Amino acid sequence: MTLQECYEALGGNYSEVSARLPSEKFIQKFVLKFLDDKTYSLLVDSWRDENWEEAFRAAHTVKGMCQNLSFTVLEKSSSALTEALRNGKSPEAEELYPKTMEDYDRALAAIREYKAGL
C-alpha cells in the first residue's frame, strides 16, 4: 500500500496534505506518529468517566491533528463531536461519539496496513 492509498483507505485528502507538507517522507513520519498518539485513549477514558471537559479537549486535539494531516473523514466527525461537547455532554454528542470511534478505527486500520507494507 502506498501512502496515497493509505489516505484513500482512511478517508483523507492526500493532495491537500502534500500541498501543505514538504515531502512524502515528512507526511509519512507524522502519519505513523498518529498510531502512537494517546489522545484517543484519553477521549475514551474521559467519556467512560463522564469527564466532559477532558473529553472535549481530547476531541478537539483529535480534530486538530486530523486537520493538519488532512484525515478528512475523521476530522469531520471529531469536529462535530468537539462542538457537541463544547458546553458539556449533549444529546448530539451521544450520537456522534460512536461515529468518531468508527472513523478513528478506520484511520488506524489503514495506517497499520500501510506500516506493515514498509
Protein backbone atom coordinates (compact mmCIF):
# COMPACT_ATOMS: atom_id res chain seq x y z
CA MET A 1 0.00 0.00 0.00
CA THR A 2 1.31 3.44 -0.90
CA LEU A 3 0.86 6.46 1.32
CA GLN A 4 -1.68 7.82 -1.15
CA GLU A 5 -3.63 4.53 -0.98
CA CYS A 6 -3.49 4.76 2.81
CA TYR A 7 -5.09 8.19 2.59
CA GLU A 8 -7.81 6.82 0.33
CA ALA A 9 -8.47 3.97 2.77
CA LEU A 10 -8.77 6.25 5.79
CA GLY A 11 -10.86 8.86 4.02
CA GLY A 12 -8.19 11.51 3.82
CA ASN A 13 -7.08 14.02 1.23
CA TYR A 14 -3.54 13.23 0.10
CA SER A 15 -3.43 16.10 -2.41
CA GLU A 16 -4.26 18.59 0.32
CA VAL A 17 -1.67 17.32 2.80
CA SER A 18 1.04 17.04 0.13
CA ALA A 19 0.44 20.66 -0.85
CA ARG A 20 0.89 21.70 2.79
CA LEU A 21 3.75 19.48 3.96
CA PRO A 22 7.14 19.49 2.23
CA SER A 23 7.68 15.84 1.28
CA GLU A 24 6.19 12.35 1.36
CA LYS A 25 8.76 11.31 3.99
CA PHE A 26 7.61 14.19 6.21
CA ILE A 27 3.95 13.20 5.75
CA GLN A 28 4.81 9.56 6.42
CA LYS A 29 6.60 10.49 9.65
CA PHE A 30 3.52 12.22 11.09
CA VAL A 31 1.04 9.66 9.77
CA LEU A 32 3.00 6.91 11.55
CA LYS A 33 3.23 9.01 14.73
CA PHE A 34 -0.56 9.10 14.75
CA LEU A 35 -0.50 5.41 15.74
CA ASP A 36 1.29 6.21 18.99
CA ASP A 37 -0.76 9.25 19.97
CA LYS A 38 -2.56 8.82 23.31
CA THR A 39 -5.35 11.32 22.66
CA TYR A 40 -7.76 8.60 21.53
CA SER A 41 -7.27 6.74 24.81
CA LEU A 42 -7.82 9.99 26.68
CA LEU A 43 -11.08 10.54 24.81
CA VAL A 44 -12.29 7.01 25.52
CA ASP A 45 -11.31 7.21 29.20
CA SER A 46 -12.83 10.66 29.64
CA TRP A 47 -16.07 9.54 28.01
CA ARG A 48 -16.24 6.46 30.25
CA ASP A 49 -15.55 8.59 33.34
CA GLU A 50 -18.08 11.23 32.21
CA ASN A 51 -15.40 13.90 32.35
CA TRP A 52 -16.90 16.03 29.60
CA GLU A 53 -14.36 18.84 29.86
CA GLU A 54 -11.49 16.41 29.27
CA ALA A 55 -13.47 14.62 26.54
CA PHE A 56 -13.96 17.99 24.82
CA ARG A 57 -10.21 18.71 24.94
CA ALA A 58 -9.36 15.26 23.61
CA ALA A 59 -11.88 15.51 20.76
CA HIS A 60 -10.53 18.98 19.96
CA THR A 61 -6.97 17.63 19.83
CA VAL A 62 -8.00 14.78 17.52
CA LYS A 63 -9.73 17.31 15.29
CA GLY A 64 -6.60 19.45 15.12
CA MET A 65 -4.33 16.53 14.29
CA CYS A 66 -6.72 15.44 11.57
CA GLN A 67 -6.89 18.93 10.10
CA ASN A 68 -3.10 19.09 9.94
CA LEU A 69 -2.84 15.64 8.34
CA SER A 70 -5.92 16.04 6.11
CA PHE A 71 -7.68 13.00 7.58
CA THR A 72 -10.93 14.40 6.24
CA VAL A 73 -13.46 11.82 7.42
CA LEU A 74 -12.12 11.66 10.98
CA GLU A 75 -11.67 15.44 11.06
CA LYS A 76 -15.35 15.94 10.26
CA SER A 77 -16.64 13.52 12.87
CA SER A 78 -14.22 14.69 15.58
CA SER A 79 -15.05 18.31 14.78
CA ALA A 80 -18.77 17.63 15.16
CA LEU A 81 -18.10 15.78 18.43
CA THR A 82 -15.96 18.66 19.67
CA GLU A 83 -18.79 21.11 19.10
CA ALA A 84 -21.32 18.76 20.71
CA LEU A 85 -19.10 18.63 23.82
CA ARG A 86 -18.23 22.33 23.92
CA ASN A 87 -20.68 23.03 26.77
CA GLY A 88 -20.63 19.55 28.30
CA LYS A 89 -22.33 16.40 27.10
CA SER A 90 -25.25 16.91 24.76
CA PRO A 91 -27.69 14.55 23.04
CA GLU A 92 -25.77 15.15 19.81
CA ALA A 93 -22.52 14.03 21.46
CA GLU A 94 -24.18 10.72 22.35
CA GLU A 95 -24.90 10.17 18.65
CA LEU A 96 -21.56 11.47 17.37
CA TYR A 97 -19.24 9.57 19.72
CA PRO A 98 -19.71 6.13 18.07
CA LYS A 99 -19.19 7.63 14.60
CA THR A 100 -15.96 9.29 15.74
CA MET A 101 -14.76 5.99 17.23
CA GLU A 102 -15.62 4.18 13.98
CA ASP A 103 -13.75 6.76 11.89
CA TYR A 104 -10.76 6.60 14.26
CA ASP A 105 -10.65 2.81 13.97
CA ARG A 106 -10.82 3.11 10.18
CA ALA A 107 -7.87 5.51 10.17
CA LEU A 108 -5.81 3.30 12.49
CA ALA A 109 -6.51 0.20 10.41
CA ALA A 110 -5.40 1.93 7.21
CA ILE A 111 -2.23 3.31 8.81
CA ARG A 112 -1.38 -0.08 10.33
CA GLU A 113 -1.80 -1.72 6.94
CA TYR A 114 0.39 0.92 5.35
CA LYS A 115 3.04 0.49 8.05
CA ALA A 116 3.03 -3.29 7.66
CA GLY A 117 3.97 -2.88 4.00
CA LEU A 118 7.00 -0.69 4.66
